[in-house]
């Protein structure tokens, strides 16, 4: 019973902490991208791409959470 709760906490932390990290990165990148686009409009594509890249951290967190849940069911 306790093991199930600890597995759920671990999976939640994997997603939650990766989402917080991605949000902090997007905040900084977004501010820099808006500043760059204010000076030159042609930086829109690069700024958009750089803003989306930190979202891969959340995808990795989701994969780790799924792996944690899968290993807990198998073991």
PDB file of N, CA and C in Angstrom:
ATOM      1  N   UNK A   1       0.818  -1.184   0.000  1.00  0.00           N
ATOM      2  CA  UNK A   1       0.000   0.000   0.000  1.00  0.00           C
ATOM      3  C   UNK A   1       0.872   1.263   0.000  1.00  0.00           C
ATOM      4  N   UNK A   2       1.856   1.310   0.870  1.00  0.00           N
ATOM      5  CA  UNK A   2       2.746   2.464   0.929  1.00  0.00           C
ATOM      6  C   UNK A   2       3.580   2.552  -0.338  1.00  0.00           C
ATOM      7  N   UNK A   3       3.962   1.388  -0.878  1.00  0.00           N
ATOM      8  CA  UNK A   3       4.781   1.383  -2.095  1.00  0.00           C
ATOM      9  C   UNK A   3       4.044   2.032  -3.262  1.00  0.00           C
ATOM     10  N   UNK A   4       2.738   1.785  -3.348  1.00  0.00           N
ATOM     11  CA  UNK A   4       1.944   2.379  -4.423  1.00  0.00           C
ATOM     12  C   UNK A   4       1.930   3.903  -4.301  1.00  0.00           C
ATOM     13  N   UNK A   5       1.811   4.395  -3.098  1.00  0.00           N
ATOM     14  CA  UNK A   5       1.822   5.844  -2.884  1.00  0.00           C
ATOM     15  C   UNK A   5       3.160   6.461  -3.219  1.00  0.00           C
ATOM     16  N   UNK A   6       4.236   5.772  -2.862  1.00  0.00           N
ATOM     17  CA  UNK A   6       5.569   6.295  -3.166  1.00  0.00           C
ATOM     18  C   UNK A   6       5.837   6.295  -4.667  1.00  0.00           C
ATOM     19  N   UNK A   7       5.340   5.268  -5.357  1.00  0.00           N
ATOM     20  CA  UNK A   7       5.493   5.232  -6.815  1.00  0.00           C
ATOM     21  C   UNK A   7       4.724   6.390  -7.445  1.00  0.00           C
ATOM     22  N   UNK A   8       3.511   6.648  -6.949  1.00  0.00           N
ATOM     23  CA  UNK A   8       2.714   7.755  -7.479  1.00  0.00           C
ATOM     24  C   UNK A   8       3.393   9.095  -7.212  1.00  0.00           C
ATOM     25  N   UNK A   9       3.971   9.249  -6.036  1.00  0.00           N
ATOM     26  CA  UNK A   9       4.689  10.488  -5.726  1.00  0.00           C
ATOM     27  C   UNK A   9       5.898  10.652  -6.642  1.00  0.00           C
ATOM     28  N   UNK A  10       6.619   9.576  -6.874  1.00  0.00           N
ATOM     29  CA  UNK A  10       7.782   9.636  -7.772  1.00  0.00           C
ATOM     30  C   UNK A  10       7.395  10.005  -9.186  1.00  0.00           C
ATOM     31  N   UNK A  11       6.311   9.413  -9.687  1.00  0.00           N
ATOM     32  CA  UNK A  11       5.848   9.742 -11.041  1.00  0.00           C
ATOM     33  C   UNK A  11       5.376  11.188 -11.111  1.00  0.00           C
ATOM     34  N   UNK A  12       4.685  11.647 -10.077  1.00  0.00           N
ATOM     35  CA  UNK A  12       4.222  13.036 -10.055  1.00  0.00           C
ATOM     36  C   UNK A  12       5.370  14.030  -9.997  1.00  0.00           C
ATOM     37  N   UNK A  13       6.388  13.685  -9.218  1.00  0.00           N
ATOM     38  CA  UNK A  13       7.565  14.555  -9.147  1.00  0.00           C
ATOM     39  C   UNK A  13       8.305  14.599 -10.479  1.00  0.00           C
ATOM     40  N   UNK A  14       8.346  13.475 -11.181  1.00  0.00           N
ATOM     41  CA  UNK A  14       9.041  13.445 -12.472  1.00  0.00           C
ATOM     42  C   UNK A  14       8.396  14.422 -13.447  1.00  0.00           C
ATOM     43  N   UNK A  15       7.080  14.446 -13.472  1.00  0.00           N
ATOM     44  CA  UNK A  15       6.389  15.359 -14.386  1.00  0.00           C
ATOM     45  C   UNK A  15       6.409  16.786 -13.834  1.00  0.00           C
ATOM     46  N   UNK A  16       6.115  16.937 -12.548  1.00  0.00           N
ATOM     47  CA  UNK A  16       6.004  18.270 -11.970  1.00  0.00           C
ATOM     48  C   UNK A  16       7.296  19.059 -11.992  1.00  0.00           C
ATOM     49  N   UNK A  17       8.381  18.431 -11.603  1.00  0.00           N
ATOM     50  CA  UNK A  17       9.658  19.149 -11.575  1.00  0.00           C
ATOM     51  C   UNK A  17      10.165  19.460 -12.976  1.00  0.00           C
ATOM     52  N   UNK A  18       9.922  18.538 -13.926  1.00  0.00           N
ATOM     53  CA  UNK A  18      10.337  18.841 -15.300  1.00  0.00           C
ATOM     54  C   UNK A  18       9.490  19.970 -15.879  1.00  0.00           C
ATOM     55  N   UNK A  19       8.211  20.042 -15.502  1.00  0.00           N
ATOM     56  CA  UNK A  19       7.358  21.134 -15.981  1.00  0.00           C
ATOM     57  C   UNK A  19       7.792  22.478 -15.394  1.00  0.00           C
ATOM     58  N   UNK A  20       8.182  22.477 -14.125  1.00  0.00           N
ATOM     59  CA  UNK A  20       8.663  23.719 -13.507  1.00  0.00           C
ATOM     60  C   UNK A  20       9.958  24.180 -14.178  1.00  0.00           C
ATOM     61  N   UNK A  21      10.862  23.246 -14.434  1.00  0.00           N
ATOM     62  CA  UNK A  21      12.113  23.590 -15.116  1.00  0.00           C
ATOM     63  C   UNK A  21      11.871  24.141 -16.503  1.00  0.00           C
ATOM     64  N   UNK A  22      10.944  23.526 -17.239  1.00  0.00           N
ATOM     65  CA  UNK A  22      10.624  24.008 -18.586  1.00  0.00           C
ATOM     66  C   UNK A  22       9.986  25.393 -18.533  1.00  0.00           C
ATOM     67  N   UNK A  23       9.135  25.618 -17.540  1.00  0.00           N
ATOM     68  CA  UNK A  23       8.490  26.933 -17.422  1.00  0.00           C
ATOM     69  C   UNK A  23       9.508  28.028 -17.137  1.00  0.00           C
ATOM     70  N   UNK A  24      10.464  27.752 -16.264  1.00  0.00           N
ATOM     71  CA  UNK A  24      11.491  28.754 -15.973  1.00  0.00           C
ATOM     72  C   UNK A  24      12.353  29.035 -17.201  1.00  0.00           C
ATOM     73  N   UNK A  25      12.669  27.997 -17.958  1.00  0.00           N
ATOM     74  CA  UNK A  25      13.462  28.194 -19.175  1.00  0.00           C
ATOM     75  C   UNK A  25      12.682  28.973 -20.217  1.00  0.00           C
ATOM     76  N   UNK A  26      11.397  28.635 -20.373  1.00  0.00           N
ATOM     77  CA  UNK A  26      10.580  29.347 -21.362  1.00  0.00           C
ATOM     78  C   UNK A  26      10.408  30.811 -21.007  1.00  0.00           C
ATOM     79  N   UNK A  27      10.355  31.110 -19.723  1.00  0.00           N
ATOM     80  CA  UNK A  27      10.218  32.508 -19.292  1.00  0.00           C
ATOM     81  C   UNK A  27      11.413  33.323 -19.771  1.00  0.00           C
ATOM     82  N   UNK A  28      12.593  32.806 -19.541  1.00  0.00           N
ATOM     83  CA  UNK A  28      13.808  33.531 -19.932  1.00  0.00           C
ATOM     84  C   UNK A  28      13.948  33.611 -21.456  1.00  0.00           C
ATOM     85  N   UNK A  29      13.703  32.489 -22.117  1.00  0.00           N
ATOM     86  CA  UNK A  29      13.843  32.464 -23.576  1.00  0.00           C
ATOM     87  C   UNK A  29      12.789  33.345 -24.230  1.00  0.00           C
ATOM     88  N   UNK A  30      11.564  33.301 -23.700  1.00  0.00           N
ATOM     89  CA  UNK A  30      10.497  34.122 -24.272  1.00  0.00           C
ATOM     90  C   UNK A  30      10.790  35.602 -24.158  1.00  0.00           C
ATOM     91  N   UNK A  31      11.317  36.018 -23.021  1.00  0.00           N
ATOM     92  CA  UNK A  31      11.650  37.432 -22.849  1.00  0.00           C
ATOM     93  C   UNK A  31      12.742  37.856 -23.824  1.00  0.00           C
ATOM     94  N   UNK A  32      13.741  37.005 -23.990  1.00  0.00           N
ATOM     95  CA  UNK A  32      14.817  37.335 -24.931  1.00  0.00           C
ATOM     96  C   UNK A  32      14.316  37.331 -26.372  1.00  0.00           C
ATOM     97  N   UNK A  33      13.421  36.401 -26.695  1.00  0.00           N
ATOM     98  CA  UNK A  33      12.890  36.326 -28.063  1.00  0.00           C
ATOM     99  C   UNK A  33      12.045  37.553 -28.391  1.00  0.00           C
ATOM    100  N   UNK A  34      11.246  38.012 -27.453  1.00  0.00           N
ATOM    101  CA  UNK A  34      10.431  39.204 -27.693  1.00  0.00           C
ATOM    102  C   UNK A  34      11.326  40.428 -27.878  1.00  0.00           C
ATOM    103  N   UNK A  35      12.384  40.506 -27.083  1.00  0.00           N
ATOM    104  CA  UNK A  35      13.320  41.619 -27.240  1.00  0.00           C
ATOM    105  C   UNK A  35      14.023  41.595 -28.586  1.00  0.00           C
ATOM    106  N   UNK A  36      14.385  40.399 -29.036  1.00  0.00           N
ATOM    107  CA  UNK A  36      15.048  40.283 -30.345  1.00  0.00           C
ATOM    108  C   UNK A  36      14.086  40.621 -31.475  1.00  0.00           C
ATOM    109  N   UNK A  37      12.826  40.191 -31.344  1.00  0.00           N
ATOM    110  CA  UNK A  37      11.844  40.477 -32.392  1.00  0.00           C
ATOM    111  C   UNK A  37      11.469  41.958 -32.422  1.00  0.00           C
ATOM    112  N   UNK A  38      11.610  42.631 -31.297  1.00  0.00           N
ATOM    113  CA  UNK A  38      11.317  44.061 -31.281  1.00  0.00           C
ATOM    114  C   UNK A  38      12.333  44.830 -32.117  1.00  0.00           C
ATOM    115  N   UNK A  39      13.552  44.295 -32.170  1.00  0.00           N
ATOM    116  CA  UNK A  39      14.586  44.953 -32.959  1.00  0.00           C
ATOM    117  C   UNK A  39      14.555  44.524 -34.420  1.00  0.00           C
ATOM    118  N   UNK A  40      14.400  43.213 -34.653  1.00  0.00           N
ATOM    119  CA  UNK A  40      14.375  42.704 -36.032  1.00  0.00           C
ATOM    120  C   UNK A  40      13.241  41.691 -36.157  1.00  0.00           C
ATOM    121  N   UNK A  41      12.336  41.935 -37.087  1.00  0.00           N
ATOM    122  CA  UNK A  41      11.182  41.051 -37.260  1.00  0.00           C
ATOM    123  C   UNK A  41      11.553  39.668 -37.769  1.00  0.00           C
ATOM    124  N   UNK A  42      12.676  39.527 -38.424  1.00  0.00           N
ATOM    125  CA  UNK A  42      13.042  38.235 -38.999  1.00  0.00           C
ATOM    126  C   UNK A  42      13.473  37.209 -37.944  1.00  0.00           C
ATOM    127  N   UNK A  43      13.568  37.608 -36.690  1.00  0.00           N
ATOM    128  CA  UNK A  43      13.904  36.663 -35.620  1.00  0.00           C
ATOM    129  C   UNK A  43      12.683  35.923 -35.078  1.00  0.00           C
ATOM    130  N   UNK A  44      11.506  36.123 -35.690  1.00  0.00           N
ATOM    131  CA  UNK A  44      10.292  35.485 -35.181  1.00  0.00           C
ATOM    132  C   UNK A  44      10.389  33.967 -35.211  1.00  0.00           C
ATOM    133  N   UNK A  45      10.826  33.406 -36.328  1.00  0.00           N
ATOM    134  CA  UNK A  45      10.908  31.948 -36.465  1.00  0.00           C
ATOM    135  C   UNK A  45      11.888  31.335 -35.477  1.00  0.00           C
ATOM    136  N   UNK A  46      13.060  31.941 -35.358  1.00  0.00           N
ATOM    137  CA  UNK A  46      14.057  31.432 -34.411  1.00  0.00           C
ATOM    138  C   UNK A  46      13.572  31.578 -32.971  1.00  0.00           C
ATOM    139  N   UNK A  47      12.930  32.689 -32.675  1.00  0.00           N
ATOM    140  CA  UNK A  47      12.415  32.893 -31.324  1.00  0.00           C
ATOM    141  C   UNK A  47      11.329  31.894 -30.977  1.00  0.00           C
ATOM    142  N   UNK A  48      10.460  31.606 -31.930  1.00  0.00           N
ATOM    143  CA  UNK A  48       9.404  30.625 -31.704  1.00  0.00           C
ATOM    144  C   UNK A  48       9.992  29.239 -31.497  1.00  0.00           C
ATOM    145  N   UNK A  49      10.973  28.881 -32.282  1.00  0.00           N
ATOM    146  CA  UNK A  49      11.611  27.575 -32.153  1.00  0.00           C
ATOM    147  C   UNK A  49      12.320  27.442 -30.811  1.00  0.00           C
ATOM    148  N   UNK A  50      13.038  28.458 -30.415  1.00  0.00           N
ATOM    149  CA  UNK A  50      13.752  28.407 -29.134  1.00  0.00           C
ATOM    150  C   UNK A  50      12.790  28.388 -27.942  1.00  0.00           C
ATOM    151  N   UNK A  51      11.610  28.966 -28.110  1.00  0.00           N
ATOM    152  CA  UNK A  51      10.626  28.944 -27.031  1.00  0.00           C
ATOM    153  C   UNK A  51      10.016  27.562 -26.867  1.00  0.00           C
ATOM    154  N   UNK A  52       9.899  26.812 -27.940  1.00  0.00           N
ATOM    155  CA  UNK A  52       9.267  25.492 -27.903  1.00  0.00           C
ATOM    156  C   UNK A  52      10.236  24.407 -27.416  1.00  0.00           C
ATOM    157  N   UNK A  53      11.508  24.567 -27.599  1.00  0.00           N
ATOM    158  CA  UNK A  53      12.492  23.527 -27.268  1.00  0.00           C
ATOM    159  C   UNK A  53      12.430  23.066 -25.805  1.00  0.00           C
ATOM    160  N   UNK A  54      12.255  23.931 -24.812  1.00  0.00           N
ATOM    161  CA  UNK A  54      12.201  23.434 -23.428  1.00  0.00           C
ATOM    162  C   UNK A  54      11.032  22.491 -23.141  1.00  0.00           C
ATOM    163  N   UNK A  55      10.016  22.483 -23.989  1.00  0.00           N
ATOM    164  CA  UNK A  55       8.900  21.571 -23.776  1.00  0.00           C
ATOM    165  C   UNK A  55       9.325  20.115 -23.883  1.00  0.00           C
ATOM    166  N   UNK A  56      10.457  19.855 -24.525  1.00  0.00           N
ATOM    167  CA  UNK A  56      10.933  18.472 -24.588  1.00  0.00           C
ATOM    168  C   UNK A  56      11.285  17.958 -23.198  1.00  0.00           C
ATOM    169  N   UNK A  57      11.630  18.849 -22.278  1.00  0.00           N
ATOM    170  CA  UNK A  57      11.894  18.430 -20.900  1.00  0.00           C
ATOM    171  C   UNK A  57      10.667  17.794 -20.269  1.00  0.00           C
ATOM    172  N   UNK A  58       9.501  18.356 -20.552  1.00  0.00           N
ATOM    173  CA  UNK A  58       8.268  17.806 -19.994  1.00  0.00           C
ATOM    174  C   UNK A  58       7.966  16.457 -20.626  1.00  0.00           C
ATOM    175  N   UNK A  59       8.255  16.310 -21.907  1.00  0.00           N
ATOM    176  CA  UNK A  59       8.049  15.023 -22.567  1.00  0.00           C
ATOM    177  C   UNK A  59       8.964  13.970 -21.954  1.00  0.00           C
ATOM    178  N   UNK A  60      10.209  14.334 -21.680  1.00  0.00           N
ATOM    179  CA  UNK A  60      11.118  13.393 -21.015  1.00  0.00           C
ATOM    180  C   UNK A  60      10.617  13.046 -19.617  1.00  0.00           C
ATOM    181  N   UNK A  61      10.085  14.019 -18.894  1.00  0.00           N
ATOM    182  CA  UNK A  61       9.508  13.759 -17.578  1.00  0.00           C
ATOM    183  C   UNK A  61       8.326  12.816 -17.659  1.00  0.00           C
ATOM    184  N   UNK A  62       7.499  12.974 -18.695  1.00  0.00           N
ATOM    185  CA  UNK A  62       6.368  12.078 -18.893  1.00  0.00           C
ATOM    186  C   UNK A  62       6.838  10.658 -19.190  1.00  0.00           C
ATOM    187  N   UNK A  63       7.867  10.532 -20.013  1.00  0.00           N
ATOM    188  CA  UNK A  63       8.414   9.209 -20.322  1.00  0.00           C
ATOM    189  C   UNK A  63       8.963   8.545 -19.058  1.00  0.00           C
ATOM    190  N   UNK A  64       9.665   9.303 -18.241  1.00  0.00           N
ATOM    191  CA  UNK A  64      10.200   8.751 -16.991  1.00  0.00           C
ATOM    192  C   UNK A  64       9.067   8.340 -16.060  1.00  0.00           C
ATOM    193  N   UNK A  65       8.008   9.145 -15.981  1.00  0.00           N
ATOM    194  CA  UNK A  65       6.864   8.793 -15.129  1.00  0.00           C
ATOM    195  C   UNK A  65       6.187   7.522 -15.612  1.00  0.00           C
ATOM    196  N   UNK A  66       6.040   7.382 -16.916  1.00  0.00           N
ATOM    197  CA  UNK A  66       5.451   6.158 -17.460  1.00  0.00           C
ATOM    198  C   UNK A  66       6.333   4.959 -17.167  1.00  0.00           C
ATOM    199  N   UNK A  67       7.652   5.141 -17.271  1.00  0.00           N
ATOM    200  CA  UNK A  67       8.566   4.053 -16.954  1.00  0.00           C
ATOM    201  C   UNK A  67       8.481   3.678 -15.475  1.00  0.00           C
ATOM    202  N   UNK A  68       8.379   4.669 -14.596  1.00  0.00           N
ATOM    203  CA  UNK A  68       8.248   4.399 -13.159  1.00  0.00           C
ATOM    204  C   UNK A  68       6.985   3.603 -12.882  1.00  0.00           C
ATOM    205  N   UNK A  69       5.879   4.029 -13.490  1.00  0.00           N
ATOM    206  CA  UNK A  69       4.621   3.321 -13.273  1.00  0.00           C
ATOM    207  C   UNK A  69       4.662   1.914 -13.863  1.00  0.00           C
ATOM    208  N   UNK A  70       5.292   1.779 -15.026  1.00  0.00           N
ATOM    209  CA  UNK A  70       5.395   0.462 -15.657  1.00  0.00           C
ATOM    210  C   UNK A  70       6.264  -0.493 -14.851  1.00  0.00           C
ATOM    211  N   UNK A  71       7.377   0.001 -14.323  1.00  0.00           N
ATOM    212  CA  UNK A  71       8.245  -0.858 -13.523  1.00  0.00           C
ATOM    213  C   UNK A  71       7.587  -1.242 -12.199  1.00  0.00           C
ATOM    214  N   UNK A  72       6.762  -0.353 -11.675  1.00  0.00           N
ATOM    215  CA  UNK A  72       6.087  -0.652 -10.408  1.00  0.00           C
ATOM    216  C   UNK A  72       5.035  -1.743 -10.602  1.00  0.00           C
ATOM    217  N   UNK A  73       4.360  -1.744 -11.759  1.00  0.00           N
ATOM    218  CA  UNK A  73       3.356  -2.769 -12.024  1.00  0.00           C
ATOM    219  C   UNK A  73       4.007  -4.110 -12.317  1.00  0.00           C
ATOM    220  N   UNK A  74       5.149  -4.071 -12.995  1.00  0.00           N
ATOM    221  CA  UNK A  74       5.826  -5.304 -13.371  1.00  0.00           C
ATOM    222  C   UNK A  74       6.535  -5.969 -12.190  1.00  0.00           C
ATOM    223  N   UNK A  75       6.933  -5.190 -11.196  1.00  0.00           N
ATOM    224  CA  UNK A  75       7.711  -5.728 -10.079  1.00  0.00           C
ATOM    225  C   UNK A  75       6.859  -6.015  -8.932  1.00  0.00           C
TER     226      UNK A  75
END
